[in-house]
Amino acid sequence: MKKGIHPEYNPASISCSCGNVIETRTTVGDLSVEICAVCHPFYTGKQRLVDTAGRVERFKRKYAQKSTD
């Protein structure tokens, strides 16, 4: 490999909003995520509404049945 053209590949930690921390290596540094494999509904088997910034309410308002009076 040529020297000086590749970015630094340093240890980093990825932290989830549920409190889970994953240690890995990356070129961008520490990351923060909202959902991970520990708390994701697909992996946990529990139904959980993942609503970020009111998207569900915005969707319901947009596609709500309008009353025809």
N, C-alpha and C. Protein backbone atom coordinates (compact mmCIF):
# COMPACT_ATOMS: atom_id res chain seq x y z
N MET A 1 0.84 -1.18 0.00
CA MET A 1 0.00 0.00 0.00
C MET A 1 0.88 1.24 0.00
N LYS A 2 0.40 2.27 -0.67
CA LYS A 2 1.14 3.53 -0.68
C LYS A 2 1.02 4.19 0.68
N LYS A 3 2.05 4.84 1.10
CA LYS A 3 2.05 5.52 2.39
C LYS A 3 1.49 6.93 2.22
N GLY A 4 0.73 7.37 3.25
CA GLY A 4 0.24 8.73 3.28
C GLY A 4 -1.07 9.00 2.55
N ILE A 5 -1.67 7.98 1.92
CA ILE A 5 -2.93 8.23 1.20
C ILE A 5 -4.14 7.64 1.92
N HIS A 6 -3.92 6.84 2.94
CA HIS A 6 -5.02 6.20 3.65
C HIS A 6 -5.32 6.91 4.96
N PRO A 7 -6.61 7.02 5.34
CA PRO A 7 -6.95 7.69 6.60
C PRO A 7 -6.54 6.84 7.81
N GLU A 8 -6.43 7.48 8.95
CA GLU A 8 -6.11 6.79 10.20
C GLU A 8 -7.28 5.89 10.60
N TYR A 9 -6.99 4.69 11.06
CA TYR A 9 -7.99 3.71 11.46
C TYR A 9 -7.80 3.47 12.95
N ASN A 10 -8.52 4.24 13.78
CA ASN A 10 -8.31 4.26 15.22
C ASN A 10 -9.46 3.59 15.97
N PRO A 11 -9.20 3.14 17.20
CA PRO A 11 -10.28 2.60 18.03
C PRO A 11 -11.33 3.67 18.32
N ALA A 12 -12.59 3.23 18.38
CA ALA A 12 -13.69 4.16 18.65
C ALA A 12 -14.79 3.41 19.38
N SER A 13 -15.71 4.15 19.96
CA SER A 13 -16.85 3.53 20.63
C SER A 13 -18.14 4.06 20.02
N ILE A 14 -19.10 3.16 19.87
CA ILE A 14 -20.42 3.51 19.37
C ILE A 14 -21.37 3.39 20.55
N SER A 15 -22.03 4.47 20.90
CA SER A 15 -22.94 4.45 22.04
C SER A 15 -24.38 4.61 21.57
N CYS A 16 -25.24 3.76 22.11
CA CYS A 16 -26.66 3.77 21.77
C CYS A 16 -27.42 4.55 22.84
N SER A 17 -28.62 4.99 22.49
CA SER A 17 -29.44 5.73 23.45
C SER A 17 -29.93 4.82 24.58
N CYS A 18 -29.90 3.49 24.38
CA CYS A 18 -30.32 2.57 25.43
C CYS A 18 -29.21 2.34 26.46
N GLY A 19 -28.00 2.83 26.17
CA GLY A 19 -26.88 2.68 27.09
C GLY A 19 -25.85 1.67 26.66
N ASN A 20 -26.11 0.93 25.61
CA ASN A 20 -25.18 -0.06 25.11
C ASN A 20 -23.99 0.64 24.44
N VAL A 21 -22.78 0.16 24.71
CA VAL A 21 -21.57 0.72 24.10
C VAL A 21 -20.84 -0.39 23.38
N ILE A 22 -20.49 -0.15 22.12
CA ILE A 22 -19.79 -1.12 21.29
C ILE A 22 -18.42 -0.55 20.96
N GLU A 23 -17.38 -1.32 21.22
CA GLU A 23 -16.02 -0.90 20.91
C GLU A 23 -15.64 -1.46 19.54
N THR A 24 -15.13 -0.60 18.68
CA THR A 24 -14.75 -1.00 17.33
C THR A 24 -13.62 -0.10 16.84
N ARG A 25 -13.33 -0.16 15.57
CA ARG A 25 -12.33 0.72 14.97
C ARG A 25 -12.98 1.43 13.79
N THR A 26 -12.64 2.69 13.60
CA THR A 26 -13.24 3.46 12.53
C THR A 26 -12.33 4.63 12.15
N THR A 27 -12.61 5.23 11.01
CA THR A 27 -11.86 6.40 10.57
C THR A 27 -12.50 7.70 11.01
N VAL A 28 -13.75 7.67 11.49
CA VAL A 28 -14.46 8.91 11.82
C VAL A 28 -14.48 9.23 13.31
N GLY A 29 -14.12 8.32 14.18
CA GLY A 29 -14.13 8.58 15.62
C GLY A 29 -15.36 8.02 16.30
N ASP A 30 -15.67 8.55 17.49
CA ASP A 30 -16.79 8.05 18.28
C ASP A 30 -18.12 8.40 17.61
N LEU A 31 -19.08 7.46 17.72
CA LEU A 31 -20.40 7.64 17.11
C LEU A 31 -21.49 7.50 18.16
N SER A 32 -22.64 8.09 17.89
CA SER A 32 -23.81 7.95 18.74
C SER A 32 -24.98 7.56 17.86
N VAL A 33 -25.69 6.48 18.24
CA VAL A 33 -26.83 6.00 17.46
C VAL A 33 -28.07 5.96 18.34
N GLU A 34 -29.24 5.95 17.71
CA GLU A 34 -30.50 5.94 18.44
C GLU A 34 -30.97 4.54 18.77
N ILE A 35 -30.62 3.57 17.95
CA ILE A 35 -31.11 2.21 18.15
C ILE A 35 -30.02 1.22 17.71
N CYS A 36 -29.89 0.12 18.46
CA CYS A 36 -28.86 -0.88 18.16
C CYS A 36 -29.49 -2.27 18.21
N ALA A 37 -28.68 -3.30 18.05
CA ALA A 37 -29.18 -4.67 18.04
C ALA A 37 -29.71 -5.10 19.41
N VAL A 38 -29.29 -4.44 20.47
CA VAL A 38 -29.76 -4.80 21.82
C VAL A 38 -31.19 -4.32 22.05
N CYS A 39 -31.54 -3.15 21.50
CA CYS A 39 -32.86 -2.59 21.76
C CYS A 39 -33.77 -2.56 20.54
N HIS A 40 -33.32 -3.04 19.39
CA HIS A 40 -34.15 -3.02 18.18
C HIS A 40 -35.28 -4.04 18.31
N PRO A 41 -36.51 -3.66 17.94
CA PRO A 41 -37.66 -4.57 18.07
C PRO A 41 -37.50 -5.88 17.30
N PHE A 42 -36.82 -5.88 16.18
CA PHE A 42 -36.64 -7.11 15.41
C PHE A 42 -35.84 -8.13 16.19
N TYR A 43 -34.83 -7.71 16.91
CA TYR A 43 -33.97 -8.62 17.66
C TYR A 43 -34.52 -8.95 19.04
N THR A 44 -35.25 -8.03 19.66
CA THR A 44 -35.76 -8.27 21.01
C THR A 44 -37.07 -9.05 21.00
N GLY A 45 -37.82 -8.96 19.91
CA GLY A 45 -39.10 -9.65 19.84
C GLY A 45 -40.22 -8.89 20.54
N LYS A 46 -39.93 -7.71 21.05
CA LYS A 46 -40.93 -6.89 21.73
C LYS A 46 -41.35 -5.76 20.80
N GLN A 47 -42.65 -5.49 20.80
CA GLN A 47 -43.15 -4.39 20.00
C GLN A 47 -42.81 -3.08 20.69
N ARG A 48 -42.12 -2.22 19.99
CA ARG A 48 -41.76 -0.92 20.55
C ARG A 48 -41.86 0.11 19.45
N LEU A 49 -42.54 1.18 19.73
CA LEU A 49 -42.69 2.24 18.75
C LEU A 49 -41.44 3.11 18.77
N VAL A 50 -40.76 3.14 17.65
CA VAL A 50 -39.56 3.95 17.54
C VAL A 50 -39.95 5.22 16.80
N ASP A 51 -40.17 6.28 17.56
CA ASP A 51 -40.62 7.54 17.00
C ASP A 51 -39.52 8.58 17.16
N THR A 52 -39.01 9.04 16.05
CA THR A 52 -37.96 10.04 16.08
C THR A 52 -38.52 11.37 15.60
N ALA A 53 -38.48 12.34 16.46
CA ALA A 53 -38.89 13.71 16.13
C ALA A 53 -40.34 13.79 15.67
N GLY A 54 -41.22 12.97 16.24
CA GLY A 54 -42.65 13.07 15.94
C GLY A 54 -43.04 12.61 14.55
N ARG A 55 -42.29 11.73 13.95
CA ARG A 55 -42.59 11.28 12.59
C ARG A 55 -43.90 10.53 12.50
N VAL A 56 -44.22 9.76 13.52
CA VAL A 56 -45.46 8.98 13.49
C VAL A 56 -46.66 9.92 13.51
N GLU A 57 -46.64 10.92 14.38
CA GLU A 57 -47.75 11.87 14.44
C GLU A 57 -47.86 12.66 13.14
N ARG A 58 -46.73 13.04 12.58
CA ARG A 58 -46.73 13.77 11.32
C ARG A 58 -47.35 12.92 10.21
N PHE A 59 -47.02 11.62 10.19
CA PHE A 59 -47.59 10.71 9.20
C PHE A 59 -49.09 10.58 9.39
N LYS A 60 -49.54 10.41 10.64
CA LYS A 60 -50.97 10.28 10.92
C LYS A 60 -51.73 11.53 10.52
N ARG A 61 -51.16 12.70 10.80
CA ARG A 61 -51.83 13.95 10.41
C ARG A 61 -51.92 14.07 8.90
N LYS A 62 -50.86 13.70 8.22
CA LYS A 62 -50.81 13.85 6.77
C LYS A 62 -51.83 12.95 6.08
N TYR A 63 -51.97 11.72 6.56
CA TYR A 63 -52.83 10.75 5.91
C TYR A 63 -54.11 10.46 6.69
N ALA A 64 -54.48 11.33 7.59
CA ALA A 64 -55.72 11.14 8.35
C ALA A 64 -56.92 11.31 7.42
N GLN A 65 -57.96 10.55 7.70
CA GLN A 65 -59.19 10.66 6.92
C GLN A 65 -59.84 12.01 7.20
N LYS A 66 -60.05 12.73 6.15
CA LYS A 66 -60.68 14.02 6.31
C LYS A 66 -62.19 13.82 6.31
N SER A 67 -62.87 14.44 7.27
CA SER A 67 -64.32 14.29 7.36
C SER A 67 -64.97 15.11 6.25
N THR A 68 -65.97 14.53 5.59
CA THR A 68 -66.67 15.20 4.51
C THR A 68 -68.01 15.66 5.02
N ASP A 69 -68.06 16.88 5.55
CA ASP A 69 -69.31 17.43 6.09
C ASP A 69 -69.95 18.33 5.10
